[in-house]
PDB file of N, CA and C in Angstrom:
ATOM      1  N   ALA A   1    -125.951-177.953 -86.541  1.00  0.00           N
ATOM      2  CA  ALA A   1    -126.137-178.737 -85.336  1.00  0.00           C
ATOM      3  C   ALA A   1    -125.403-180.088 -85.438  1.00  0.00           C
ATOM      4  N   VAL A   2    -125.476-180.718 -86.636  1.00  0.00           N
ATOM      5  CA  VAL A   2    -124.823-181.999 -86.826  1.00  0.00           C
ATOM      6  C   VAL A   2    -123.323-181.844 -86.694  1.00  0.00           C
ATOM      7  N   ALA A   3    -122.752-180.788 -87.280  1.00  0.00           N
ATOM      8  CA  ALA A   3    -121.300-180.580 -87.214  1.00  0.00           C
ATOM      9  C   ALA A   3    -120.839-180.388 -85.779  1.00  0.00           C
ATOM     10  N   SER A   4    -121.601-179.654 -84.966  1.00  0.00           N
ATOM     11  CA  SER A   4    -121.192-179.448 -83.587  1.00  0.00           C
ATOM     12  C   SER A   4    -121.364-180.733 -82.777  1.00  0.00           C
ATOM     13  N   HIS A   5    -122.420-181.498 -83.066  1.00  0.00           N
ATOM     14  CA  HIS A   5    -122.702-182.746 -82.335  1.00  0.00           C
ATOM     15  C   HIS A   5    -121.568-183.757 -82.544  1.00  0.00           C
ATOM     16  N   THR A   6    -121.052-183.868 -83.763  1.00  0.00           N
ATOM     17  CA  THR A   6    -119.971-184.824 -84.023  1.00  0.00           C
ATOM     18  C   THR A   6    -118.689-184.433 -83.299  1.00  0.00           C
ATOM     19  N   ARG A   7    -118.593-183.188 -82.848  1.00  0.00           N
ATOM     20  CA  ARG A   7    -117.435-182.716 -82.095  1.00  0.00           C
ATOM     21  C   ARG A   7    -117.714-182.682 -80.585  1.00  0.00           C
ATOM     22  N   GLY A   8    -118.907-183.162 -80.191  1.00  0.00           N
ATOM     23  CA  GLY A   8    -119.242-183.221 -78.745  1.00  0.00           C
ATOM     24  C   GLY A   8    -119.892-181.987 -78.189  1.00  0.00           C
ATOM     25  N   TRP A   9    -120.445-181.103 -79.048  1.00  0.00           N
ATOM     26  CA  TRP A   9    -121.060-179.859 -78.616  1.00  0.00           C
ATOM     27  C   TRP A   9    -122.504-179.776 -79.100  1.00  0.00           C
ATOM     28  N   ALA A  10    -123.295-178.912 -78.450  1.00  0.00           N
ATOM     29  CA  ALA A  10    -124.697-178.758 -78.843  1.00  0.00           C
ATOM     30  C   ALA A  10    -125.164-177.344 -78.523  1.00  0.00           C
ATOM     31  N   LEU A  11    -126.230-176.927 -79.192  1.00  0.00           N
ATOM     32  CA  LEU A  11    -126.895-175.704 -78.805  1.00  0.00           C
ATOM     33  C   LEU A  11    -127.558-175.947 -77.465  1.00  0.00           C
ATOM     34  N   PRO A  12    -127.679-174.923 -76.608  1.00  0.00           N
ATOM     35  CA  PRO A  12    -128.280-175.138 -75.289  1.00  0.00           C
ATOM     36  C   PRO A  12    -129.770-175.483 -75.343  1.00  0.00           C
ATOM     37  N   MET A  13    -130.409-175.151 -76.450  1.00  0.00           N
ATOM     38  CA  MET A  13    -131.818-175.535 -76.650  1.00  0.00           C
ATOM     39  C   MET A  13    -132.095-175.466 -78.141  1.00  0.00           C
ATOM     40  N   VAL A  14    -133.115-176.154 -78.566  1.00  0.00           N
ATOM     41  CA  VAL A  14    -133.523-176.094 -79.975  1.00  0.00           C
ATOM     42  C   VAL A  14    -135.049-175.938 -80.010  1.00  0.00           C
ATOM     43  N   ALA A  15    -135.519-175.233 -81.022  1.00  0.00           N
ATOM     44  CA  ALA A  15    -136.965-175.081 -81.199  1.00  0.00           C
ATOM     45  C   ALA A  15    -137.501-176.388 -81.734  1.00  0.00           C
ATOM     46  N   SER A  16    -138.765-176.656 -81.508  1.00  0.00           N
ATOM     47  CA  SER A  16    -139.336-177.906 -81.978  1.00  0.00           C
ATOM     48  C   SER A  16    -139.673-177.884 -83.467  1.00  0.00           C
ATOM     49  N   LEU A  17    -139.602-176.729 -84.090  1.00  0.00           N
ATOM     50  CA  LEU A  17    -139.862-176.624 -85.515  1.00  0.00           C
ATOM     51  C   LEU A  17    -138.553-176.644 -86.273  1.00  0.00           C
ATOM     52  N   PRO A  18    -138.359-177.603 -87.182  1.00  0.00           N
ATOM     53  CA  PRO A  18    -137.075-177.724 -87.870  1.00  0.00           C
ATOM     54  C   PRO A  18    -136.793-176.628 -88.897  1.00  0.00           C
ATOM     55  N   GLN A  19    -137.795-175.792 -89.230  1.00  0.00           N
ATOM     56  CA  GLN A  19    -137.601-174.786 -90.240  1.00  0.00           C
ATOM     57  C   GLN A  19    -136.823-173.572 -89.750  1.00  0.00           C
ATOM     58  N   PHE A  20    -136.601-173.443 -88.453  1.00  0.00           N
ATOM     59  CA  PHE A  20    -135.914-172.295 -87.912  1.00  0.00           C
ATOM     60  C   PHE A  20    -134.452-172.266 -88.295  1.00  0.00           C
ATOM     61  N   SER A  21    -133.944-171.095 -88.665  1.00  0.00           N
ATOM     62  CA  SER A  21    -132.499-170.916 -88.789  1.00  0.00           C
ATOM     63  C   SER A  21    -131.999-170.419 -87.445  1.00  0.00           C
ATOM     64  N   VAL A  22    -130.709-170.451 -87.220  1.00  0.00           N
ATOM     65  CA  VAL A  22    -130.171-169.931 -85.949  1.00  0.00           C
ATOM     66  C   VAL A  22    -130.520-168.456 -85.816  1.00  0.00           C
ATOM     67  N   ALA A  23    -130.261-167.674 -86.865  1.00  0.00           N
ATOM     68  CA  ALA A  23    -130.550-166.241 -86.810  1.00  0.00           C
ATOM     69  C   ALA A  23    -132.045-165.987 -86.540  1.00  0.00           C
ATOM     70  N   GLY A  24    -132.915-166.735 -87.186  1.00  0.00           N
ATOM     71  CA  GLY A  24    -134.353-166.561 -86.991  1.00  0.00           C
ATOM     72  C   GLY A  24    -134.785-166.951 -85.593  1.00  0.00           C
ATOM     73  N   ALA A  25    -134.238-168.025 -85.076  1.00  0.00           N
ATOM     74  CA  ALA A  25    -134.581-168.470 -83.716  1.00  0.00           C
ATOM     75  C   ALA A  25    -134.091-167.452 -82.669  1.00  0.00           C
ATOM     76  N   VAL A  26    -132.924-166.891 -82.912  1.00  0.00           N
ATOM     77  CA  VAL A  26    -132.373-165.884 -82.002  1.00  0.00           C
ATOM     78  C   VAL A  26    -133.224-164.597 -82.074  1.00  0.00           C
ATOM     79  N   ALA A  27    -133.479-164.114 -83.277  1.00  0.00           N
ATOM     80  CA  ALA A  27    -134.171-162.833 -83.471  1.00  0.00           C
ATOM     81  C   ALA A  27    -135.607-162.852 -82.926  1.00  0.00           C
ATOM     82  N   THR A  28    -136.209-164.037 -82.885  1.00  0.00           N
ATOM     83  CA  THR A  28    -137.580-164.136 -82.382  1.00  0.00           C
ATOM     84  C   THR A  28    -137.651-164.597 -80.915  1.00  0.00           C
ATOM     85  N   GLY A  29    -136.514-164.809 -80.306  1.00  0.00           N
ATOM     86  CA  GLY A  29    -136.496-165.197 -78.887  1.00  0.00           C
ATOM     87  C   GLY A  29    -136.947-166.613 -78.638  1.00  0.00           C
ATOM     88  N   SER A  30    -136.717-167.533 -79.560  1.00  0.00           N
ATOM     89  CA  SER A  30    -137.151-168.923 -79.379  1.00  0.00           C
ATOM     90  C   SER A  30    -136.613-169.502 -78.090  1.00  0.00           C
ATOM     91  N   HIS A  31    -137.438-170.342 -77.474  1.00  0.00           N
ATOM     92  CA  HIS A  31    -137.071-170.966 -76.198  1.00  0.00           C
ATOM     93  C   HIS A  31    -137.545-172.411 -76.253  1.00  0.00           C
ATOM     94  N   GLY A  32    -137.150-173.200 -75.286  1.00  0.00           N
ATOM     95  CA  GLY A  32    -137.527-174.588 -75.250  1.00  0.00           C
ATOM     96  C   GLY A  32    -137.610-175.102 -73.841  1.00  0.00           C
ATOM     97  N   SER A  33    -137.786-176.383 -73.720  1.00  0.00           N
ATOM     98  CA  SER A  33    -137.806-177.003 -72.416  1.00  0.00           C
ATOM     99  C   SER A  33    -137.161-178.376 -72.527  1.00  0.00           C
ATOM    100  N   SER A  34    -136.764-178.925 -71.414  1.00  0.00           N
ATOM    101  CA  SER A  34    -136.176-180.277 -71.432  1.00  0.00           C
ATOM    102  C   SER A  34    -136.580-181.007 -70.160  1.00  0.00           C
ATOM    103  N   GLY A  35    -136.878-182.289 -70.293  1.00  0.00           N
ATOM    104  CA  GLY A  35    -137.169-183.091 -69.137  1.00  0.00           C
ATOM    105  C   GLY A  35    -135.879-183.658 -68.602  1.00  0.00           C
ATOM    106  N   MET A  36    -135.702-183.685 -67.339  1.00  0.00           N
ATOM    107  CA  MET A  36    -134.459-184.149 -66.748  1.00  0.00           C
ATOM    108  C   MET A  36    -134.654-185.528 -66.108  1.00  0.00           C
ATOM    109  N   GLY A  37    -134.268-186.576 -66.830  1.00  0.00           N
ATOM    110  CA  GLY A  37    -134.353-187.922 -66.296  1.00  0.00           C
ATOM    111  C   GLY A  37    -135.722-188.528 -66.435  1.00  0.00           C
ATOM    112  N   ALA A  38    -135.758-189.855 -66.317  1.00  0.00           N
ATOM    113  CA  ALA A  38    -137.030-190.583 -66.460  1.00  0.00           C
ATOM    114  C   ALA A  38    -138.005-190.168 -65.361  1.00  0.00           C
ATOM    115  N   GLY A  39    -139.132-189.606 -65.750  1.00  0.00           N
ATOM    116  CA  GLY A  39    -140.142-189.201 -64.790  1.00  0.00           C
ATOM    117  C   GLY A  39    -139.739-187.952 -64.018  1.00  0.00           C
ATOM    118  N   GLY A  40    -138.648-187.312 -64.421  1.00  0.00           N
ATOM    119  CA  GLY A  40    -138.152-186.152 -63.698  1.00  0.00           C
ATOM    120  C   GLY A  40    -138.983-184.911 -63.997  1.00  0.00           C
ATOM    121  N   PRO A  41    -138.760-183.838 -63.280  1.00  0.00           N
ATOM    122  CA  PRO A  41    -139.510-182.614 -63.472  1.00  0.00           C
ATOM    123  C   PRO A  41    -139.170-181.965 -64.811  1.00  0.00           C
ATOM    124  N   LEU A  42    -140.066-181.190 -65.323  1.00  0.00           N
ATOM    125  CA  LEU A  42    -139.839-180.457 -66.562  1.00  0.00           C
ATOM    126  C   LEU A  42    -139.155-179.146 -66.232  1.00  0.00           C
ATOM    127  N   HIS A  43    -138.003-178.925 -66.802  1.00  0.00           N
ATOM    128  CA  HIS A  43    -137.236-177.698 -66.537  1.00  0.00           C
ATOM    129  C   HIS A  43    -137.287-176.801 -67.767  1.00  0.00           C
ATOM    130  N   THR A  44    -137.577-175.550 -67.553  1.00  0.00           N
ATOM    131  CA  THR A  44    -137.567-174.586 -68.660  1.00  0.00           C
ATOM    132  C   THR A  44    -136.128-174.157 -68.926  1.00  0.00           C
ATOM    133  N   VAL A  45    -135.756-174.158 -70.188  1.00  0.00           N
ATOM    134  CA  VAL A  45    -134.418-173.732 -70.617  1.00  0.00           C
ATOM    135  C   VAL A  45    -134.532-172.307 -71.116  1.00  0.00           C
ATOM    136  N   SER A  46    -133.554-171.492 -70.792  1.00  0.00           N
ATOM    137  CA  SER A  46    -133.575-170.115 -71.286  1.00  0.00           C
ATOM    138  C   SER A  46    -133.580-170.125 -72.813  1.00  0.00           C
ATOM    139  N   GLY A  47    -134.004-169.034 -73.386  1.00  0.00           N
ATOM    140  CA  GLY A  47    -134.090-168.962 -74.820  1.00  0.00           C
ATOM    141  C   GLY A  47    -132.728-168.970 -75.492  1.00  0.00           C
ATOM    142  N   LEU A  48    -132.730-169.338 -76.771  1.00  0.00           N
ATOM    143  CA  LEU A  48    -131.479-169.394 -77.559  1.00  0.00           C
ATOM    144  C   LEU A  48    -130.755-168.037 -77.556  1.00  0.00           C
ATOM    145  N   PRO A  49    -131.458-166.902 -77.498  1.00  0.00           N
ATOM    146  CA  PRO A  49    -130.723-165.630 -77.445  1.00  0.00           C
ATOM    147  C   PRO A  49    -129.755-165.511 -76.281  1.00  0.00           C
ATOM    148  N   GLU A  50    -130.023-166.229 -75.184  1.00  0.00           N
ATOM    149  CA  GLU A  50    -129.116-166.189 -74.021  1.00  0.00           C
ATOM    150  C   GLU A  50    -127.762-166.782 -74.363  1.00  0.00           C
ATOM    151  N   ALA A  51    -127.689-167.636 -75.392  1.00  0.00           N
ATOM    152  CA  ALA A  51    -126.435-168.266 -75.802  1.00  0.00           C
ATOM    153  C   ALA A  51    -125.610-167.393 -76.721  1.00  0.00           C
ATOM    154  N   VAL A  52    -126.182-166.312 -77.241  1.00  0.00           N
ATOM    155  CA  VAL A  52    -125.445-165.443 -78.153  1.00  0.00           C
ATOM    156  C   VAL A  52    -124.393-164.649 -77.382  1.00  0.00           C
ATOM    157  N   VAL A  53    -123.160-164.723 -77.861  1.00  0.00           N
ATOM    158  CA  VAL A  53    -122.075-163.979 -77.228  1.00  0.00           C
ATOM    159  C   VAL A  53    -121.605-162.823 -78.110  1.00  0.00           C
ATOM    160  N   ALA A  54    -121.856-162.879 -79.407  1.00  0.00           N
ATOM    161  CA  ALA A  54    -121.508-161.798 -80.315  1.00  0.00           C
ATOM    162  C   ALA A  54    -122.260-161.953 -81.632  1.00  0.00           C
ATOM    163  N   MET A  55    -122.417-160.848 -82.315  1.00  0.00           N
ATOM    164  CA  MET A  55    -123.066-160.833 -83.646  1.00  0.00           C
ATOM    165  C   MET A  55    -122.355-159.789 -84.538  1.00  0.00           C
ATOM    166  N   GLU A  56    -122.362-160.064 -85.815  1.00  0.00           N
ATOM    167  CA  GLU A  56    -122.005-159.044 -86.792  1.00  0.00           C
ATOM    168  C   GLU A  56    -123.300-158.679 -87.486  1.00  0.00           C
ATOM    169  N   VAL A  57    -123.576-157.365 -87.506  1.00  0.00           N
ATOM    170  CA  VAL A  57    -124.859-156.864 -88.021  1.00  0.00           C
ATOM    171  C   VAL A  57    -124.608-155.903 -89.176  1.00  0.00           C
ATOM    172  N   VAL A  58    -125.375-156.089 -90.258  1.00  0.00           N
ATOM    173  CA  VAL A  58    -125.293-155.168 -91.394  1.00  0.00           C
ATOM    174  C   VAL A  58    -126.353-154.095 -91.199  1.00  0.00           C
ATOM    175  N   GLY A  59    -125.895-152.839 -91.180  1.00  0.00           N
ATOM    176  CA  GLY A  59    -126.786-151.706 -90.979  1.00  0.00           C
ATOM    177  C   GLY A  59    -127.442-151.281 -92.261  1.00  0.00           C
ATOM    178  N   PRO A  60    -128.338-150.297 -92.201  1.00  0.00           N
ATOM    179  CA  PRO A  60    -129.080-149.822 -93.381  1.00  0.00           C
ATOM    180  C   PRO A  60    -128.157-149.202 -94.451  1.00  0.00           C
ATOM    181  N   ASP A  61    -126.996-148.722 -94.026  1.00  0.00           N
ATOM    182  CA  ASP A  61    -126.056-148.140 -94.984  1.00  0.00           C
ATOM    183  C   ASP A  61    -125.070-149.165 -95.539  1.00  0.00           C
ATOM    184  N   GLY A  62    -125.241-150.436 -95.173  1.00  0.00           N
ATOM    185  CA  GLY A  62    -124.380-151.508 -95.647  1.00  0.00           C
ATOM    186  C   GLY A  62    -123.149-151.740 -94.779  1.00  0.00           C
ATOM    187  N   SER A  63    -122.985-150.932 -93.730  1.00  0.00           N
ATOM    188  CA  SER A  63    -121.812-151.093 -92.881  1.00  0.00           C
ATOM    189  C   SER A  63    -121.969-152.314 -91.992  1.00  0.00           C
ATOM    190  N   LEU A  64    -120.865-152.944 -91.655  1.00  0.00           N
ATOM    191  CA  LEU A  64    -120.860-154.113 -90.816  1.00  0.00           C
ATOM    192  C   LEU A  64    -120.308-153.708 -89.452  1.00  0.00           C
ATOM    193  N   ARG A  65    -121.062-154.034 -88.389  1.00  0.00           N
ATOM    194  CA  ARG A  65    -120.567-153.727 -87.037  1.00  0.00           C
ATOM    195  C   ARG A  65    -120.714-154.961 -86.168  1.00  0.00           C
ATOM    196  N   ARG A  66    -119.753-155.104 -85.281  1.00  0.00           N
ATOM    197  CA  ARG A  66    -119.738-156.252 -84.333  1.00  0.00           C
ATOM    198  C   ARG A  66    -120.259-155.746 -83.020  1.00  0.00           C
ATOM    199  N   ILE A  67    -121.186-156.523 -82.428  1.00  0.00           N
ATOM    200  CA  ILE A  67    -121.671-156.235 -81.087  1.00  0.00           C
ATOM    201  C   ILE A  67    -121.428-157.479 -80.230  1.00  0.00           C
ATOM    202  N   ALA A  68    -121.128-157.286 -78.955  1.00  0.00           N
ATOM    203  CA  ALA A  68    -120.802-158.423 -78.111  1.00  0.00           C
ATOM    204  C   ALA A  68    -121.384-158.263 -76.715  1.00  0.00           C
ATOM    205  N   LYS A  69    -121.731-159.378 -76.139  1.00  0.00           N
ATOM    206  CA  LYS A  69    -122.255-159.426 -74.762  1.00  0.00           C
ATOM    207  C   LYS A  69    -121.211-158.862 -73.807  1.00  0.00           C
ATOM    208  N   GLY A  70    -121.620-157.993 -72.927  1.00  0.00           N
ATOM    209  CA  GLY A  70    -120.735-157.396 -71.938  1.00  0.00           C
ATOM    210  C   GLY A  70    -119.876-156.262 -72.470  1.00  0.00           C
ATOM    211  N   GLU A  71    -119.954-155.996 -73.759  1.00  0.00           N
ATOM    212  CA  GLU A  71    -119.167-154.907 -74.356  1.00  0.00           C
ATOM    213  C   GLU A  71    -120.028-153.771 -74.896  1.00  0.00           C
ATOM    214  N   ASP A  72    -121.254-154.085 -75.292  1.00  0.00           N
ATOM    215  CA  ASP A  72    -122.111-153.077 -75.941  1.00  0.00           C
ATOM    216  C   ASP A  72    -123.415-152.925 -75.182  1.00  0.00           C
ATOM    217  N   SER A  73    -123.744-151.665 -74.807  1.00  0.00           N
ATOM    218  CA  SER A  73    -125.033-151.443 -74.156  1.00  0.00           C
ATOM    219  C   SER A  73    -126.118-151.699 -75.204  1.00  0.00           C
ATOM    220  N   GLY A  74    -127.199-152.255 -74.769  1.00  0.00           N
ATOM    221  CA  GLY A  74    -128.272-152.591 -75.713  1.00  0.00           C
ATOM    222  C   GLY A  74    -128.066-153.868 -76.461  1.00  0.00           C
ATOM    223  N   PHE A  75    -127.032-154.656 -76.079  1.00  0.00           N
ATOM    224  CA  PHE A  75    -126.752-155.914 -76.774  1.00  0.00           C
ATOM    225  C   PHE A  75    -127.946-156.853 -76.744  1.00  0.00           C
ATOM    226  N   SER A  76    -128.552-157.045 -75.579  1.00  0.00           N
ATOM    227  CA  SER A  76    -129.687-157.982 -75.460  1.00  0.00           C
ATOM    228  C   SER A  76    -130.861-157.530 -76.336  1.00  0.00           C
ATOM    229  N   SER A  77    -131.098-156.254 -76.409  1.00  0.00           N
ATOM    230  CA  SER A  77    -132.173-155.742 -77.243  1.00  0.00           C
ATOM    231  C   SER A  77    -131.867-155.944 -78.713  1.00  0.00           C
ATOM    232  N   ALA A  78    -130.631-155.784 -79.114  1.00  0.00           N
ATOM    233  CA  ALA A  78    -130.247-155.946 -80.518  1.00  0.00           C
ATOM    234  C   ALA A  78    -130.364-157.381 -80.931  1.00  0.00           C
ATOM    235  N   VAL A  79    -130.053-158.322 -80.034  1.00  0.00           N
ATOM    236  CA  VAL A  79    -130.124-159.746 -80.359  1.00  0.00           C
ATOM    237  C   VAL A  79    -131.572-160.152 -80.714  1.00  0.00           C
ATOM    238  N   VAL A  80    -132.527-159.741 -79.904  1.00  0.00           N
ATOM    239  CA  VAL A  80    -133.919-160.116 -80.144  1.00  0.00           C
ATOM    240  C   VAL A  80    -134.655-158.899 -80.681  1.00  0.00           C
ATOM    241  N   SER A  81    -134.223-158.434 -81.851  1.00  0.00           N
ATOM    242  CA  SER A  81    -134.792-157.197 -82.408  1.00  0.00           C
ATOM    243  C   SER A  81    -135.633-157.438 -83.654  1.00  0.00           C
ATOM    244  N   LEU A  82    -135.845-158.702 -84.021  1.00  0.00           N
ATOM    245  CA  LEU A  82    -136.600-159.028 -85.243  1.00  0.00           C
ATOM    246  C   LEU A  82    -135.999-158.347 -86.467  1.00  0.00           C
ATOM    247  N   GLY A  83    -134.696-158.094 -86.443  1.00  0.00           N
ATOM    248  CA  GLY A  83    -134.004-157.473 -87.560  1.00  0.00           C
ATOM    249  C   GLY A  83    -134.000-155.953 -87.532  1.00  0.00           C
ATOM    250  N   MET A  84    -134.663-155.327 -86.565  1.00  0.00           N
ATOM    251  CA  MET A  84    -134.744-153.865 -86.519  1.00  0.00           C
ATOM    252  C   MET A  84    -133.384-153.215 -86.217  1.00  0.00           C
ATOM    253  N   ALA A  85    -132.453-153.967 -85.620  1.00  0.00           N
ATOM    254  CA  ALA A  85    -131.136-153.440 -85.327  1.00  0.00           C
ATOM    255  C   ALA A  85    -130.176-153.697 -86.477  1.00  0.00           C
ATOM    256  N   GLY A  86    -130.669-154.330 -87.532  1.00  0.00           N
ATOM    257  CA  GLY A  86    -129.825-154.673 -88.699  1.00  0.00           C
ATOM    258  C   GLY A  86    -129.976-156.150 -89.011  1.00  0.00           C
ATOM    259  N   VAL A  87    -129.379-156.540 -90.123  1.00  0.00           N
ATOM    260  CA  VAL A  87    -129.445-157.938 -90.556  1.00  0.00           C
ATOM    261  C   VAL A  87    -128.263-158.680 -89.957  1.00  0.00           C
ATOM    262  N   ALA A  88    -128.556-159.800 -89.299  1.00  0.00           N
ATOM    263  CA  ALA A  88    -127.490-160.588 -88.669  1.00  0.00           C
ATOM    264  C   ALA A  88    -126.670-161.267 -89.770  1.00  0.00           C
ATOM    265  N   ALA A  89    -125.389-160.949 -89.846  1.00  0.00           N
ATOM    266  CA  ALA A  89    -124.492-161.578 -90.827  1.00  0.00           C
ATOM    267  C   ALA A  89    -123.823-162.789 -90.190  1.00  0.00           C
ATOM    268  N   THR A  90    -123.439-162.677 -88.934  1.00  0.00           N
ATOM    269  CA  THR A  90    -122.880-163.823 -88.187  1.00  0.00           C
ATOM    270  C   THR A  90    -123.446-163.798 -86.781  1.00  0.00           C
ATOM    271  N   VAL A  91    -123.545-164.977 -86.190  1.00  0.00           N
ATOM    272  CA  VAL A  91    -123.999-165.113 -84.814  1.00  0.00           C
ATOM    273  C   VAL A  91    -123.039-166.080 -84.116  1.00  0.00           C
ATOM    274  N   SER A  92    -122.400-165.641 -83.044  1.00  0.00           N
ATOM    275  CA  SER A  92    -121.496-166.511 -82.277  1.00  0.00           C
ATOM    276  C   SER A  92    -122.227-166.973 -81.029  1.00  0.00           C
ATOM    277  N   LEU A  93    -122.286-168.287 -80.828  1.00  0.00           N
ATOM    278  CA  LEU A  93    -123.037-168.881 -79.745  1.00  0.00           C
ATOM    279  C   LEU A  93    -122.122-169.588 -78.746  1.00  0.00           C
ATOM    280  N   GLN A  94    -122.519-169.551 -77.468  1.00  0.00           N
ATOM    281  CA  GLN A  94    -121.837-170.342 -76.440  1.00  0.00           C
ATOM    282  C   GLN A  94    -122.470-171.731 -76.487  1.00  0.00           C
ATOM    283  N   LEU A  95    -121.716-172.738 -76.861  1.00  0.00           N
ATOM    284  CA  LEU A  95    -122.250-174.112 -76.936  1.00  0.00           C
ATOM    285  C   LEU A  95    -122.078-174.804 -75.616  1.00  0.00           C
ATOM    286  N   ILE A  96    -122.769-175.936 -75.444  1.00  0.00           N
ATOM    287  CA  ILE A  96    -122.665-176.752 -74.245  1.00  0.00           C
ATOM    288  C   ILE A  96    -122.271-178.169 -74.666  1.00  0.00           C
ATOM    289  N   LYS A  97    -121.919-178.996 -73.703  1.00  0.00           N
ATOM    290  CA  LYS A  97    -121.598-180.393 -73.971  1.00  0.00           C
ATOM    291  C   LYS A  97    -122.818-181.041 -74.593  1.00  0.00           C
ATOM    292  N   ASP A  98    -122.612-181.909 -75.582  1.00  0.00           N
ATOM    293  CA  ASP A  98    -123.762-182.516 -76.263  1.00  0.00           C
ATOM    294  C   ASP A  98    -124.604-183.390 -75.335  1.00  0.00           C
ATOM    295  N   PHE A  99    -125.828-183.633 -75.720  1.00  0.00           N
ATOM    296  CA  PHE A  99    -126.783-184.405 -74.940  1.00  0.00           C
ATOM    297  C   PHE A  99    -127.728-185.079 -75.903  1.00  0.00           C
ATOM    298  N   ASP A 100    -128.447-186.061 -75.404  1.00  0.00           N
ATOM    299  CA  ASP A 100    -129.443-186.768 -76.204  1.00  0.00           C
ATOM    300  C   ASP A 100    -130.838-186.279 -75.833  1.00  0.00           C
ATOM    301  N   VAL A 101    -131.731-186.310 -76.810  1.00  0.00           N
ATOM    302  CA  VAL A 101    -133.102-185.847 -76.602  1.00  0.00           C
ATOM    303  C   VAL A 101    -134.064-186.967 -76.953  1.00  0.00           C
ATOM    304  N   HIS A 102    -135.062-187.124 -76.154  1.00  0.00           N
ATOM    305  CA  HIS A 102    -136.126-188.105 -76.415  1.00  0.00           C
ATOM    306  C   HIS A 102    -137.437-187.326 -76.549  1.00  0.00           C
ATOM    307  N   GLN A 103    -138.125-187.503 -77.638  1.00  0.00           N
ATOM    308  CA  GLN A 103    -139.376-186.779 -77.875  1.00  0.00           C
ATOM    309  C   GLN A 103    -140.554-187.725 -77.833  1.00  0.00           C
ATOM    310  N   VAL A 104    -141.618-187.296 -77.162  1.00  0.00           N
ATOM    311  CA  VAL A 104    -142.862-188.040 -77.162  1.00  0.00           C
ATOM    312  C   VAL A 104    -143.939-187.123 -77.759  1.00  0.00           C
ATOM    313  N   VAL A 105    -144.605-187.611 -78.802  1.00  0.00           N
ATOM    314  CA  VAL A 105    -145.645-186.852 -79.452  1.00  0.00           C
ATOM    315  C   VAL A 105    -146.983-187.518 -79.163  1.00  0.00           C
ATOM    316  N   TYR A 106    -147.927-186.742 -78.662  1.00  0.00           N
ATOM    317  CA  TYR A 106    -149.237-187.281 -78.327  1.00  0.00           C
ATOM    318  C   TYR A 106    -150.246-186.796 -79.389  1.00  0.00           C
ATOM    319  N   GLY A 107    -151.250-187.574 -79.662  1.00  0.00           N
ATOM    320  CA  GLY A 107    -152.288-187.208 -80.606  1.00  0.00           C
ATOM    321  C   GLY A 107    -152.031-187.777 -81.987  1.00  0.00           C
ATOM    322  N   ASP A 108    -152.940-187.464 -82.882  1.00  0.00           N
ATOM    323  CA  ASP A 108    -152.838-187.971 -84.261  1.00  0.00           C
ATOM    324  C   ASP A 108    -152.102-187.067 -85.177  1.00  0.00           C
TER     325      ASP A 108
END
């Protein structure tokens, strides 16, 4: 995330837990929300899996296969498969222009 931010790019959403990896956040369908402007309405952002445009997946026999949005039937299911479609070796994401985030934490 830091490398993309220094180049002016960002993930379209991030989970609030810093322990997530990109592959883990994608495979579990992580999603987020963002407030738009001071006192503005809360807008739900689609999940990180929506930003996936391609993946390389290692199958049970060790073979590597590439799957891509718009090219492979079942792509969306494979992305959020909790690893059942294979182990994600690479994940290609559609990034957006970078933005700043302000977090408010309530409670102790």
